[in-house]
mmCIF file of all heavy atoms, coordinates in Angstrom:
data_MODEL
# 
_entry.id   MODEL 
# 
loop_
_atom_site.group_PDB 
_atom_site.id 
_atom_site.type_symbol 
_atom_site.label_atom_id 
_atom_site.label_alt_id 
_atom_site.label_comp_id 
_atom_site.label_asym_id 
_atom_site.label_entity_id 
_atom_site.label_seq_id 
_atom_site.pdbx_PDB_ins_code 
_atom_site.Cartn_x 
_atom_site.Cartn_y 
_atom_site.Cartn_z 
_atom_site.occupancy 
_atom_site.B_iso_or_equiv 
_atom_site.pdbx_formal_charge 
_atom_site.auth_seq_id 
_atom_site.auth_comp_id 
_atom_site.auth_asym_id 
_atom_site.auth_atom_id 
_atom_site.pdbx_PDB_model_num 
ATOM 1   N N   . LEU A 1 1  ? 98.414  109.465 103.667 1.00 0.00 ? 1  LEU A N   1 
ATOM 2   C CA  . LEU A 1 1  ? 99.212  108.282 103.896 1.00 0.00 ? 1  LEU A CA  1 
ATOM 3   C C   . LEU A 1 1  ? 98.944  107.307 102.760 1.00 0.00 ? 1  LEU A C   1 
ATOM 4   O O   . LEU A 1 1  ? 97.866  107.321 102.165 1.00 0.00 ? 1  LEU A O   1 
ATOM 5   C CB  . LEU A 1 1  ? 98.872  107.594 105.221 1.00 0.00 ? 1  LEU A CB  1 
ATOM 6   C CG  . LEU A 1 1  ? 99.335  108.233 106.526 1.00 0.00 ? 1  LEU A CG  1 
ATOM 7   C CD1 . LEU A 1 1  ? 98.727  107.473 107.705 1.00 0.00 ? 1  LEU A CD1 1 
ATOM 8   C CD2 . LEU A 1 1  ? 100.850 108.233 106.616 1.00 0.00 ? 1  LEU A CD2 1 
ATOM 9   N N   . ARG A 1 2  ? 99.919  106.467 102.483 1.00 0.00 ? 2  ARG A N   1 
ATOM 10  C CA  . ARG A 1 2  ? 99.717  105.388 101.535 1.00 0.00 ? 2  ARG A CA  1 
ATOM 11  C C   . ARG A 1 2  ? 100.064 104.070 102.197 1.00 0.00 ? 2  ARG A C   1 
ATOM 12  O O   . ARG A 1 2  ? 101.199 103.867 102.632 1.00 0.00 ? 2  ARG A O   1 
ATOM 13  C CB  . ARG A 1 2  ? 100.549 105.561 100.262 1.00 0.00 ? 2  ARG A CB  1 
ATOM 14  C CG  . ARG A 1 2  ? 100.167 104.530 99.191  1.00 0.00 ? 2  ARG A CG  1 
ATOM 15  C CD  . ARG A 1 2  ? 100.861 104.739 97.876  1.00 0.00 ? 2  ARG A CD  1 
ATOM 16  N NE  . ARG A 1 2  ? 102.236 104.253 97.893  1.00 0.00 ? 2  ARG A NE  1 
ATOM 17  C CZ  . ARG A 1 2  ? 102.897 103.840 96.809  1.00 0.00 ? 2  ARG A CZ  1 
ATOM 18  N NH1 . ARG A 1 2  ? 102.297 103.861 95.623  1.00 0.00 ? 2  ARG A NH1 1 
ATOM 19  N NH2 . ARG A 1 2  ? 104.152 103.444 96.920  1.00 0.00 ? 2  ARG A NH2 1 
ATOM 20  N N   . LEU A 1 3  ? 99.087  103.194 102.262 1.00 0.00 ? 3  LEU A N   1 
ATOM 21  C CA  . LEU A 1 3  ? 99.286  101.868 102.791 1.00 0.00 ? 3  LEU A CA  1 
ATOM 22  C C   . LEU A 1 3  ? 99.636  100.911 101.657 1.00 0.00 ? 3  LEU A C   1 
ATOM 23  O O   . LEU A 1 3  ? 99.149  101.057 100.539 1.00 0.00 ? 3  LEU A O   1 
ATOM 24  C CB  . LEU A 1 3  ? 98.035  101.364 103.505 1.00 0.00 ? 3  LEU A CB  1 
ATOM 25  C CG  . LEU A 1 3  ? 97.448  102.256 104.598 1.00 0.00 ? 3  LEU A CG  1 
ATOM 26  C CD1 . LEU A 1 3  ? 96.243  101.572 105.235 1.00 0.00 ? 3  LEU A CD1 1 
ATOM 27  C CD2 . LEU A 1 3  ? 98.497  102.604 105.636 1.00 0.00 ? 3  LEU A CD2 1 
ATOM 28  N N   . ALA A 1 4  ? 100.459 99.945  101.953 1.00 0.00 ? 4  ALA A N   1 
ATOM 29  C CA  . ALA A 1 4  ? 100.815 98.925  100.984 1.00 0.00 ? 4  ALA A CA  1 
ATOM 30  C C   . ALA A 1 4  ? 100.704 97.558  101.634 1.00 0.00 ? 4  ALA A C   1 
ATOM 31  O O   . ALA A 1 4  ? 100.971 97.396  102.827 1.00 0.00 ? 4  ALA A O   1 
ATOM 32  C CB  . ALA A 1 4  ? 102.232 99.134  100.453 1.00 0.00 ? 4  ALA A CB  1 
ATOM 33  N N   . CYS A 1 5  ? 100.316 96.589  100.851 1.00 0.00 ? 5  CYS A N   1 
ATOM 34  C CA  . CYS A 1 5  ? 100.195 95.222  101.329 1.00 0.00 ? 5  CYS A CA  1 
ATOM 35  C C   . CYS A 1 5  ? 100.690 94.289  100.242 1.00 0.00 ? 5  CYS A C   1 
ATOM 36  O O   . CYS A 1 5  ? 100.154 94.298  99.127  1.00 0.00 ? 5  CYS A O   1 
ATOM 37  C CB  . CYS A 1 5  ? 98.749  94.901  101.690 1.00 0.00 ? 5  CYS A CB  1 
ATOM 38  S SG  . CYS A 1 5  ? 98.415  93.162  102.048 1.00 0.00 ? 5  CYS A SG  1 
ATOM 39  N N   . THR A 1 6  ? 101.690 93.502  100.563 1.00 0.00 ? 6  THR A N   1 
ATOM 40  C CA  . THR A 1 6  ? 102.225 92.532  99.632  1.00 0.00 ? 6  THR A CA  1 
ATOM 41  C C   . THR A 1 6  ? 101.746 91.143  100.021 1.00 0.00 ? 6  THR A C   1 
ATOM 42  O O   . THR A 1 6  ? 101.878 90.733  101.179 1.00 0.00 ? 6  THR A O   1 
ATOM 43  C CB  . THR A 1 6  ? 103.759 92.576  99.603  1.00 0.00 ? 6  THR A CB  1 
ATOM 44  O OG1 . THR A 1 6  ? 104.186 93.858  99.150  1.00 0.00 ? 6  THR A OG1 1 
ATOM 45  C CG2 . THR A 1 6  ? 104.308 91.517  98.659  1.00 0.00 ? 6  THR A CG2 1 
ATOM 46  N N   . VAL A 1 7  ? 101.191 90.450  99.058  1.00 0.00 ? 7  VAL A N   1 
ATOM 47  C CA  . VAL A 1 7  ? 100.671 89.109  99.262  1.00 0.00 ? 7  VAL A CA  1 
ATOM 48  C C   . VAL A 1 7  ? 101.679 88.117  98.711  1.00 0.00 ? 7  VAL A C   1 
ATOM 49  O O   . VAL A 1 7  ? 102.070 88.201  97.547  1.00 0.00 ? 7  VAL A O   1 
ATOM 50  C CB  . VAL A 1 7  ? 99.312  88.916  98.582  1.00 0.00 ? 7  VAL A CB  1 
ATOM 51  C CG1 . VAL A 1 7  ? 98.744  87.535  98.895  1.00 0.00 ? 7  VAL A CG1 1 
ATOM 52  C CG2 . VAL A 1 7  ? 98.338  90.001  99.011  1.00 0.00 ? 7  VAL A CG2 1 
ATOM 53  N N   . SER A 1 8  ? 102.082 87.183  99.528  1.00 0.00 ? 8  SER A N   1 
ATOM 54  C CA  . SER A 1 8  ? 103.034 86.169  99.108  1.00 0.00 ? 8  SER A CA  1 
ATOM 55  C C   . SER A 1 8  ? 102.457 84.785  99.344  1.00 0.00 ? 8  SER A C   1 
ATOM 56  O O   . SER A 1 8  ? 101.468 84.615  100.046 1.00 0.00 ? 8  SER A O   1 
ATOM 57  C CB  . SER A 1 8  ? 104.373 86.319  99.837  1.00 0.00 ? 8  SER A CB  1 
ATOM 58  O OG  . SER A 1 8  ? 104.206 86.144  101.235 1.00 0.00 ? 8  SER A OG  1 
ATOM 59  N N   . GLY A 1 9  ? 103.110 83.805  98.767  1.00 0.00 ? 9  GLY A N   1 
ATOM 60  C CA  . GLY A 1 9  ? 102.627 82.448  98.867  1.00 0.00 ? 9  GLY A CA  1 
ATOM 61  C C   . GLY A 1 9  ? 101.786 82.091  97.667  1.00 0.00 ? 9  GLY A C   1 
ATOM 62  O O   . GLY A 1 9  ? 102.045 82.530  96.548  1.00 0.00 ? 9  GLY A O   1 
ATOM 63  N N   . SER A 1 10 ? 100.768 81.318  97.903  1.00 0.00 ? 10 SER A N   1 
ATOM 64  C CA  . SER A 1 10 ? 99.886  80.864  96.831  1.00 0.00 ? 10 SER A CA  1 
ATOM 65  C C   . SER A 1 10 ? 98.844  81.936  96.550  1.00 0.00 ? 10 SER A C   1 
ATOM 66  O O   . SER A 1 10 ? 97.821  82.027  97.234  1.00 0.00 ? 10 SER A O   1 
ATOM 67  C CB  . SER A 1 10 ? 99.222  79.546  97.224  1.00 0.00 ? 10 SER A CB  1 
ATOM 68  O OG  . SER A 1 10 ? 98.409  79.053  96.174  1.00 0.00 ? 10 SER A OG  1 
ATOM 69  N N   . THR A 1 11 ? 99.122  82.747  95.540  1.00 0.00 ? 11 THR A N   1 
ATOM 70  C CA  . THR A 1 11 ? 98.270  83.899  95.258  1.00 0.00 ? 11 THR A CA  1 
ATOM 71  C C   . THR A 1 11 ? 97.308  83.681  94.106  1.00 0.00 ? 11 THR A C   1 
ATOM 72  O O   . THR A 1 11 ? 96.554  84.596  93.765  1.00 0.00 ? 11 THR A O   1 
ATOM 73  C CB  . THR A 1 11 ? 99.125  85.135  94.961  1.00 0.00 ? 11 THR A CB  1 
ATOM 74  O OG1 . THR A 1 11 ? 99.930  84.894  93.807  1.00 0.00 ? 11 THR A OG1 1 
ATOM 75  C CG2 . THR A 1 11 ? 100.029 85.465  96.146  1.00 0.00 ? 11 THR A CG2 1 
ATOM 76  N N   . PHE A 1 12 ? 97.330  82.508  93.509  1.00 0.00 ? 12 PHE A N   1 
ATOM 77  C CA  . PHE A 1 12 ? 96.441  82.287  92.384  1.00 0.00 ? 12 PHE A CA  1 
ATOM 78  C C   . PHE A 1 12 ? 94.991  82.366  92.816  1.00 0.00 ? 12 PHE A C   1 
ATOM 79  O O   . PHE A 1 12 ? 94.625  81.994  93.929  1.00 0.00 ? 12 PHE A O   1 
ATOM 80  C CB  . PHE A 1 12 ? 96.739  80.934  91.721  1.00 0.00 ? 12 PHE A CB  1 
ATOM 81  C CG  . PHE A 1 12 ? 96.496  79.739  92.599  1.00 0.00 ? 12 PHE A CG  1 
ATOM 82  C CD1 . PHE A 1 12 ? 95.249  79.141  92.654  1.00 0.00 ? 12 PHE A CD1 1 
ATOM 83  C CD2 . PHE A 1 12 ? 97.515  79.210  93.367  1.00 0.00 ? 12 PHE A CD2 1 
ATOM 84  C CE1 . PHE A 1 12 ? 95.017  78.039  93.452  1.00 0.00 ? 12 PHE A CE1 1 
ATOM 85  C CE2 . PHE A 1 12 ? 97.306  78.110  94.173  1.00 0.00 ? 12 PHE A CE2 1 
ATOM 86  C CZ  . PHE A 1 12 ? 96.054  77.525  94.219  1.00 0.00 ? 12 PHE A CZ  1 
ATOM 87  N N   . SER A 1 13 ? 94.171  82.879  91.926  1.00 0.00 ? 13 SER A N   1 
ATOM 88  C CA  . SER A 1 13 ? 92.738  83.036  92.133  1.00 0.00 ? 13 SER A CA  1 
ATOM 89  C C   . SER A 1 13 ? 92.386  84.005  93.263  1.00 0.00 ? 13 SER A C   1 
ATOM 90  O O   . SER A 1 13 ? 91.261  83.995  93.755  1.00 0.00 ? 13 SER A O   1 
ATOM 91  C CB  . SER A 1 13 ? 92.069  81.682  92.380  1.00 0.00 ? 13 SER A CB  1 
ATOM 92  O OG  . SER A 1 13 ? 92.211  80.829  91.264  1.00 0.00 ? 13 SER A OG  1 
ATOM 93  N N   . MET A 1 14 ? 93.354  84.843  93.672  1.00 0.00 ? 14 MET A N   1 
ATOM 94  C CA  . MET A 1 14 ? 93.057  85.911  94.623  1.00 0.00 ? 14 MET A CA  1 
ATOM 95  C C   . MET A 1 14 ? 92.403  87.046  93.846  1.00 0.00 ? 14 MET A C   1 
ATOM 96  O O   . MET A 1 14 ? 93.037  88.040  93.512  1.00 0.00 ? 14 MET A O   1 
ATOM 97  C CB  . MET A 1 14 ? 94.325  86.381  95.319  1.00 0.00 ? 14 MET A CB  1 
ATOM 98  C CG  . MET A 1 14 ? 94.953  85.352  96.236  1.00 0.00 ? 14 MET A CG  1 
ATOM 99  S SD  . MET A 1 14 ? 93.966  85.069  97.721  1.00 0.00 ? 14 MET A SD  1 
ATOM 100 C CE  . MET A 1 14 ? 95.130  84.135  98.723  1.00 0.00 ? 14 MET A CE  1 
ATOM 101 N N   . ASN A 1 15 ? 91.140  86.874  93.574  1.00 0.00 ? 15 ASN A N   1 
ATOM 102 C CA  . ASN A 1 15 ? 90.451  87.786  92.674  1.00 0.00 ? 15 ASN A CA  1 
ATOM 103 C C   . ASN A 1 15 ? 90.192  89.153  93.293  1.00 0.00 ? 15 ASN A C   1 
ATOM 104 O O   . ASN A 1 15 ? 90.222  90.167  92.595  1.00 0.00 ? 15 ASN A O   1 
ATOM 105 C CB  . ASN A 1 15 ? 89.130  87.168  92.222  1.00 0.00 ? 15 ASN A CB  1 
ATOM 106 C CG  . ASN A 1 15 ? 88.418  87.997  91.181  1.00 0.00 ? 15 ASN A CG  1 
ATOM 107 O OD1 . ASN A 1 15 ? 89.024  88.421  90.188  1.00 0.00 ? 15 ASN A OD1 1 
ATOM 108 N ND2 . ASN A 1 15 ? 87.132  88.239  91.386  1.00 0.00 ? 15 ASN A ND2 1 
ATOM 109 N N   . ILE A 1 16 ? 89.930  89.186  94.580  1.00 0.00 ? 16 ILE A N   1 
ATOM 110 C CA  . ILE A 1 16 ? 89.551  90.424  95.249  1.00 0.00 ? 16 ILE A CA  1 
ATOM 111 C C   . ILE A 1 16 ? 90.535  90.732  96.359  1.00 0.00 ? 16 ILE A C   1 
ATOM 112 O O   . ILE A 1 16 ? 90.799  89.897  97.222  1.00 0.00 ? 16 ILE A O   1 
ATOM 113 C CB  . ILE A 1 16 ? 88.124  90.335  95.812  1.00 0.00 ? 16 ILE A CB  1 
ATOM 114 C CG1 . ILE A 1 16 ? 87.124  90.045  94.686  1.00 0.00 ? 16 ILE A CG1 1 
ATOM 115 C CG2 . ILE A 1 16 ? 87.751  91.623  96.536  1.00 0.00 ? 16 ILE A CG2 1 
ATOM 116 C CD1 . ILE A 1 16 ? 85.709  89.800  95.169  1.00 0.00 ? 16 ILE A CD1 1 
ATOM 117 N N   . LEU A 1 17 ? 91.057  91.937  96.328  1.00 0.00 ? 17 LEU A N   1 
ATOM 118 C CA  . LEU A 1 17 ? 91.883  92.456  97.404  1.00 0.00 ? 17 LEU A CA  1 
ATOM 119 C C   . LEU A 1 17 ? 91.165  93.647  98.023  1.00 0.00 ? 17 LEU A C   1 
ATOM 120 O O   . LEU A 1 17 ? 90.480  94.395  97.327  1.00 0.00 ? 17 LEU A O   1 
ATOM 121 C CB  . LEU A 1 17 ? 93.259  92.883  96.904  1.00 0.00 ? 17 LEU A CB  1 
ATOM 122 C CG  . LEU A 1 17 ? 94.128  91.794  96.264  1.00 0.00 ? 17 LEU A CG  1 
ATOM 123 C CD1 . LEU A 1 17 ? 95.405  92.404  95.705  1.00 0.00 ? 17 LEU A CD1 1 
ATOM 124 C CD2 . LEU A 1 17 ? 94.454  90.705  97.280  1.00 0.00 ? 17 LEU A CD2 1 
ATOM 125 N N   . GLY A 1 18 ? 91.333  93.818  99.313  1.00 0.00 ? 18 GLY A N   1 
ATOM 126 C CA  . GLY A 1 18 ? 90.642  94.908  99.965  1.00 0.00 ? 18 GLY A CA  1 
ATOM 127 C C   . GLY A 1 18 ? 91.335  95.399  101.209 1.00 0.00 ? 18 GLY A C   1 
ATOM 128 O O   . GLY A 1 18 ? 92.290  94.784  101.700 1.00 0.00 ? 18 GLY A O   1 
ATOM 129 N N   . TRP A 1 19 ? 90.849  96.518  101.685 1.00 0.00 ? 19 TRP A N   1 
ATOM 130 C CA  . TRP A 1 19 ? 91.294  97.102  102.931 1.00 0.00 ? 19 TRP A CA  1 
ATOM 131 C C   . TRP A 1 19 ? 90.099  97.256  103.857 1.00 0.00 ? 19 TRP A C   1 
ATOM 132 O O   . TRP A 1 19 ? 89.069  97.810  103.465 1.00 0.00 ? 19 TRP A O   1 
ATOM 133 C CB  . TRP A 1 19 ? 91.951  98.467  102.713 1.00 0.00 ? 19 TRP A CB  1 
ATOM 134 C CG  . TRP A 1 19 ? 93.298  98.395  102.062 1.00 0.00 ? 19 TRP A CG  1 
ATOM 135 C CD1 . TRP A 1 19 ? 93.579  98.507  100.739 1.00 0.00 ? 19 TRP A CD1 1 
ATOM 136 C CD2 . TRP A 1 19 ? 94.547  98.200  102.728 1.00 0.00 ? 19 TRP A CD2 1 
ATOM 137 N NE1 . TRP A 1 19 ? 94.933  98.392  100.531 1.00 0.00 ? 19 TRP A NE1 1 
ATOM 138 C CE2 . TRP A 1 19 ? 95.545  98.206  101.738 1.00 0.00 ? 19 TRP A CE2 1 
ATOM 139 C CE3 . TRP A 1 19 ? 94.916  98.027  104.063 1.00 0.00 ? 19 TRP A CE3 1 
ATOM 140 C CZ2 . TRP A 1 19 ? 96.901  98.045  102.039 1.00 0.00 ? 19 TRP A CZ2 1 
ATOM 141 C CZ3 . TRP A 1 19 ? 96.257  97.860  104.355 1.00 0.00 ? 19 TRP A CZ3 1 
ATOM 142 C CH2 . TRP A 1 19 ? 97.226  97.875  103.354 1.00 0.00 ? 19 TRP A CH2 1 
ATOM 143 N N   . TYR A 1 20 ? 90.250  96.736  105.042 1.00 0.00 ? 20 TYR A N   1 
ATOM 144 C CA  . TYR A 1 20 ? 89.277  96.912  106.108 1.00 0.00 ? 20 TYR A CA  1 
ATOM 145 C C   . TYR A 1 20 ? 89.891  97.780  107.196 1.00 0.00 ? 20 TYR A C   1 
ATOM 146 O O   . TYR A 1 20 ? 91.114  97.942  107.268 1.00 0.00 ? 20 TYR A O   1 
ATOM 147 C CB  . TYR A 1 20 ? 88.884  95.570  106.722 1.00 0.00 ? 20 TYR A CB  1 
ATOM 148 C CG  . TYR A 1 20 ? 88.020  94.683  105.854 1.00 0.00 ? 20 TYR A CG  1 
ATOM 149 C CD1 . TYR A 1 20 ? 88.536  94.040  104.733 1.00 0.00 ? 20 TYR A CD1 1 
ATOM 150 C CD2 . TYR A 1 20 ? 86.677  94.474  106.180 1.00 0.00 ? 20 TYR A CD2 1 
ATOM 151 C CE1 . TYR A 1 20 ? 87.744  93.217  103.953 1.00 0.00 ? 20 TYR A CE1 1 
ATOM 152 C CE2 . TYR A 1 20 ? 85.883  93.642  105.403 1.00 0.00 ? 20 TYR A CE2 1 
ATOM 153 C CZ  . TYR A 1 20 ? 86.423  93.021  104.294 1.00 0.00 ? 20 TYR A CZ  1 
ATOM 154 O OH  . TYR A 1 20 ? 85.633  92.195  103.520 1.00 0.00 ? 20 TYR A OH  1 
ATOM 155 N N   . ARG A 1 21 ? 89.040  98.320  108.037 1.00 0.00 ? 21 ARG A N   1 
ATOM 156 C CA  . ARG A 1 21 ? 89.533  99.038  109.202 1.00 0.00 ? 21 ARG A CA  1 
ATOM 157 C C   . ARG A 1 21 ? 88.639  98.748  110.392 1.00 0.00 ? 21 ARG A C   1 
ATOM 158 O O   . ARG A 1 21 ? 87.460  98.435  110.240 1.00 0.00 ? 21 ARG A O   1 
ATOM 159 C CB  . ARG A 1 21 ? 89.626  100.542 108.951 1.00 0.00 ? 21 ARG A CB  1 
ATOM 160 C CG  . ARG A 1 21 ? 88.294  101.240 108.754 1.00 0.00 ? 21 ARG A CG  1 
ATOM 161 C CD  . ARG A 1 21 ? 88.515  102.690 108.363 1.00 0.00 ? 21 ARG A CD  1 
ATOM 162 N NE  . ARG A 1 21 ? 87.261  103.404 108.146 1.00 0.00 ? 21 ARG A NE  1 
ATOM 163 C CZ  . ARG A 1 21 ? 87.183  104.628 107.649 1.00 0.00 ? 21 ARG A CZ  1 
ATOM 164 N NH1 . ARG A 1 21 ? 88.291  105.293 107.314 1.00 0.00 ? 21 ARG A NH1 1 
ATOM 165 N NH2 . ARG A 1 21 ? 85.997  105.208 107.493 1.00 0.00 ? 21 ARG A NH2 1 
ATOM 166 N N   . GLN A 1 22 ? 89.227  98.859  111.558 1.00 0.00 ? 22 GLN A N   1 
ATOM 167 C CA  . GLN A 1 22 ? 88.490  98.624  112.785 1.00 0.00 ? 22 GLN A CA  1 
ATOM 168 C C   . GLN A 1 22 ? 88.953  99.613  113.840 1.00 0.00 ? 22 GLN A C   1 
ATOM 169 O O   . GLN A 1 22 ? 90.126  99.625  114.216 1.00 0.00 ? 22 GLN A O   1 
ATOM 170 C CB  . GLN A 1 22 ? 88.684  97.194  113.282 1.00 0.00 ? 22 GLN A CB  1 
ATOM 171 C CG  . GLN A 1 22 ? 87.798  96.830  114.453 1.00 0.00 ? 22 GLN A CG  1 
ATOM 172 C CD  . GLN A 1 22 ? 87.768  95.333  114.701 1.00 0.00 ? 22 GLN A CD  1 
ATOM 173 O OE1 . GLN A 1 22 ? 88.700  94.612  114.352 1.00 0.00 ? 22 GLN A OE1 1 
ATOM 174 N NE2 . GLN A 1 22 ? 86.690  94.856  115.301 1.00 0.00 ? 22 GLN A NE2 1 
ATOM 175 N N   . ALA A 1 23 ? 88.033  100.429 114.283 1.00 0.00 ? 23 ALA A N   1 
ATOM 176 C CA  . ALA A 1 23 ? 88.284  101.356 115.369 1.00 0.00 ? 23 ALA A CA  1 
ATOM 177 C C   . ALA A 1 23 ? 87.876  100.704 116.685 1.00 0.00 ? 23 ALA A C   1 
ATOM 178 O O   . ALA A 1 23 ? 87.049  99.781  116.698 1.00 0.00 ? 23 ALA A O   1 
ATOM 179 C CB  . ALA A 1 23 ? 87.512  102.653 115.149 1.00 0.00 ? 23 ALA A CB  1 
ATOM 180 N N   . PRO A 1 24 ? 88.422  101.158 117.800 1.00 0.00 ? 24 PRO A N   1 
ATOM 181 C CA  . PRO A 1 24 ? 88.061  100.570 119.091 1.00 0.00 ? 24 PRO A CA  1 
ATOM 182 C C   . PRO A 1 24 ? 86.563  100.602 119.328 1.00 0.00 ? 24 PRO A C   1 
ATOM 183 O O   . PRO A 1 24 ? 85.913  101.629 119.165 1.00 0.00 ? 24 PRO A O   1 
ATOM 184 C CB  . PRO A 1 24 ? 88.807  101.445 120.096 1.00 0.00 ? 24 PRO A CB  1 
ATOM 185 C CG  . PRO A 1 24 ? 89.975  101.976 119.333 1.00 0.00 ? 24 PRO A CG  1 
ATOM 186 C CD  . PRO A 1 24 ? 89.460  102.194 117.940 1.00 0.00 ? 24 PRO A CD  1 
ATOM 187 N N   . GLY A 1 25 ? 86.020  99.460  119.709 1.00 0.00 ? 25 GLY A N   1 
ATOM 188 C CA  . GLY A 1 25 ? 84.604  99.361  119.992 1.00 0.00 ? 25 GLY A CA  1 
ATOM 189 C C   . GLY A 1 25 ? 83.716  99.300  118.771 1.00 0.00 ? 25 GLY A C   1 
ATOM 190 O O   . GLY A 1 25 ? 82.484  99.288  118.916 1.00 0.00 ? 25 GLY A O   1 
# 
């Protein structure tokens, strides 16, 4: 699978982008 995330708005100085995940519990 390929996930995509588009960031909009005030994006200046957004130095680090990441993906987190959370499974139940």
